[in-house]
């Protein structure tokens, strides 16, 4: 393997590592967003259940 090939390989590995780190950051962000949406959904469900209970009490 000559110096040029080795340099190209190093560049490729470096780019792949950068992309991997970027994907890891994106994955962490998406997981945080997902957790937040799950929590919001849970709160909305609780509010709806409370409203249904109140409506049943009125009727």
C-alpha atoms as a PDB file:
ATOM      1  CA  UNK A   1       0.000   0.000   0.000  1.00  0.00           C
ATOM      2  CA  UNK A   2       1.555   3.269  -1.036  1.00  0.00           C
ATOM      3  CA  UNK A   3       1.437   6.599   0.760  1.00  0.00           C
ATOM      4  CA  UNK A   4      -1.348   7.951  -1.430  1.00  0.00           C
ATOM      5  CA  UNK A   5      -3.593   4.968  -0.742  1.00  0.00           C
ATOM      6  CA  UNK A   6      -2.853   5.163   2.950  1.00  0.00           C
ATOM      7  CA  UNK A   7      -3.670   8.869   2.992  1.00  0.00           C
ATOM      8  CA  UNK A   8      -6.949   8.239   1.184  1.00  0.00           C
ATOM      9  CA  UNK A   9      -7.795   5.480   3.637  1.00  0.00           C
ATOM     10  CA  UNK A  10      -7.045   7.762   6.591  1.00  0.00           C
ATOM     11  CA  UNK A  11      -9.274  10.467   5.096  1.00  0.00           C
ATOM     12  CA  UNK A  12     -12.076   7.961   4.552  1.00  0.00           C
ATOM     13  CA  UNK A  13     -11.830   6.684   8.107  1.00  0.00           C
ATOM     14  CA  UNK A  14     -11.794  10.212   9.443  1.00  0.00           C
ATOM     15  CA  UNK A  15     -14.915  11.127   7.462  1.00  0.00           C
ATOM     16  CA  UNK A  16     -16.672   7.967   8.608  1.00  0.00           C
ATOM     17  CA  UNK A  17     -15.809   8.697  12.239  1.00  0.00           C
ATOM     18  CA  UNK A  18     -17.135  12.239  11.884  1.00  0.00           C
ATOM     19  CA  UNK A  19     -20.319  10.923  10.308  1.00  0.00           C
ATOM     20  CA  UNK A  20     -20.658   8.293  13.042  1.00  0.00           C
ATOM     21  CA  UNK A  21     -20.332  10.938  15.767  1.00  0.00           C
ATOM     22  CA  UNK A  22     -22.856  13.130  13.980  1.00  0.00           C
ATOM     23  CA  UNK A  23     -25.308  10.218  13.746  1.00  0.00           C
ATOM     24  CA  UNK A  24     -24.809   9.451  17.435  1.00  0.00           C
ATOM     25  CA  UNK A  25     -25.640  13.074  18.333  1.00  0.00           C
ATOM     26  CA  UNK A  26     -28.690  12.984  16.074  1.00  0.00           C
ATOM     27  CA  UNK A  27     -29.784   9.687  17.607  1.00  0.00           C
ATOM     28  CA  UNK A  28     -29.481  11.110  21.149  1.00  0.00           C
ATOM     29  CA  UNK A  29     -31.528  14.157  20.102  1.00  0.00           C
ATOM     30  CA  UNK A  30     -34.212  12.009  18.505  1.00  0.00           C
ATOM     31  CA  UNK A  31     -34.395   9.833  21.626  1.00  0.00           C
ATOM     32  CA  UNK A  32     -34.791  12.944  23.787  1.00  0.00           C
ATOM     33  CA  UNK A  33     -37.523  14.231  21.466  1.00  0.00           C
ATOM     34  CA  UNK A  34     -39.238  10.843  21.579  1.00  0.00           C
ATOM     35  CA  UNK A  35     -39.110  10.750  25.385  1.00  0.00           C
ATOM     36  CA  UNK A  36     -40.548  14.258  25.513  1.00  0.00           C
ATOM     37  CA  UNK A  37     -43.377  13.339  23.142  1.00  0.00           C
ATOM     38  CA  UNK A  38     -44.160  10.198  25.134  1.00  0.00           C
ATOM     39  CA  UNK A  39     -44.404  12.293  28.305  1.00  0.00           C
ATOM     40  CA  UNK A  40     -46.635  14.869  26.601  1.00  0.00           C
ATOM     41  CA  UNK A  41     -48.847  12.080  25.280  1.00  0.00           C
ATOM     42  CA  UNK A  42     -49.125  10.599  28.762  1.00  0.00           C
ATOM     43  CA  UNK A  43     -50.135  13.974  30.215  1.00  0.00           C
ATOM     44  CA  UNK A  44     -52.698  14.533  27.465  1.00  0.00           C
ATOM     45  CA  UNK A  45     -54.187  11.089  28.102  1.00  0.00           C
ATOM     46  CA  UNK A  46     -54.461  11.830  31.811  1.00  0.00           C
ATOM     47  CA  UNK A  47     -56.233  15.125  31.098  1.00  0.00           C
ATOM     48  CA  UNK A  48     -58.657  13.437  28.708  1.00  0.00           C
ATOM     49  CA  UNK A  49     -59.397  10.712  31.237  1.00  0.00           C
ATOM     50  CA  UNK A  50     -60.052  13.364  33.879  1.00  0.00           C
ATOM     51  CA  UNK A  51     -62.428  15.195  31.532  1.00  0.00           C
ATOM     52  CA  UNK A  52     -64.275  11.972  30.733  1.00  0.00           C
ATOM     53  CA  UNK A  53     -64.637  11.237  34.444  1.00  0.00           C
ATOM     54  CA  UNK A  54     -66.028  14.731  35.076  1.00  0.00           C
ATOM     55  CA  UNK A  55     -68.473  14.386  32.183  1.00  0.00           C
ATOM     56  CA  UNK A  56     -69.670  11.056  33.522  1.00  0.00           C
ATOM     57  CA  UNK A  57     -70.199  12.624  36.953  1.00  0.00           C
ATOM     58  CA  UNK A  58     -72.266  15.397  35.387  1.00  0.00           C
ATOM     59  CA  UNK A  59     -74.396  13.021  33.345  1.00  0.00           C
END
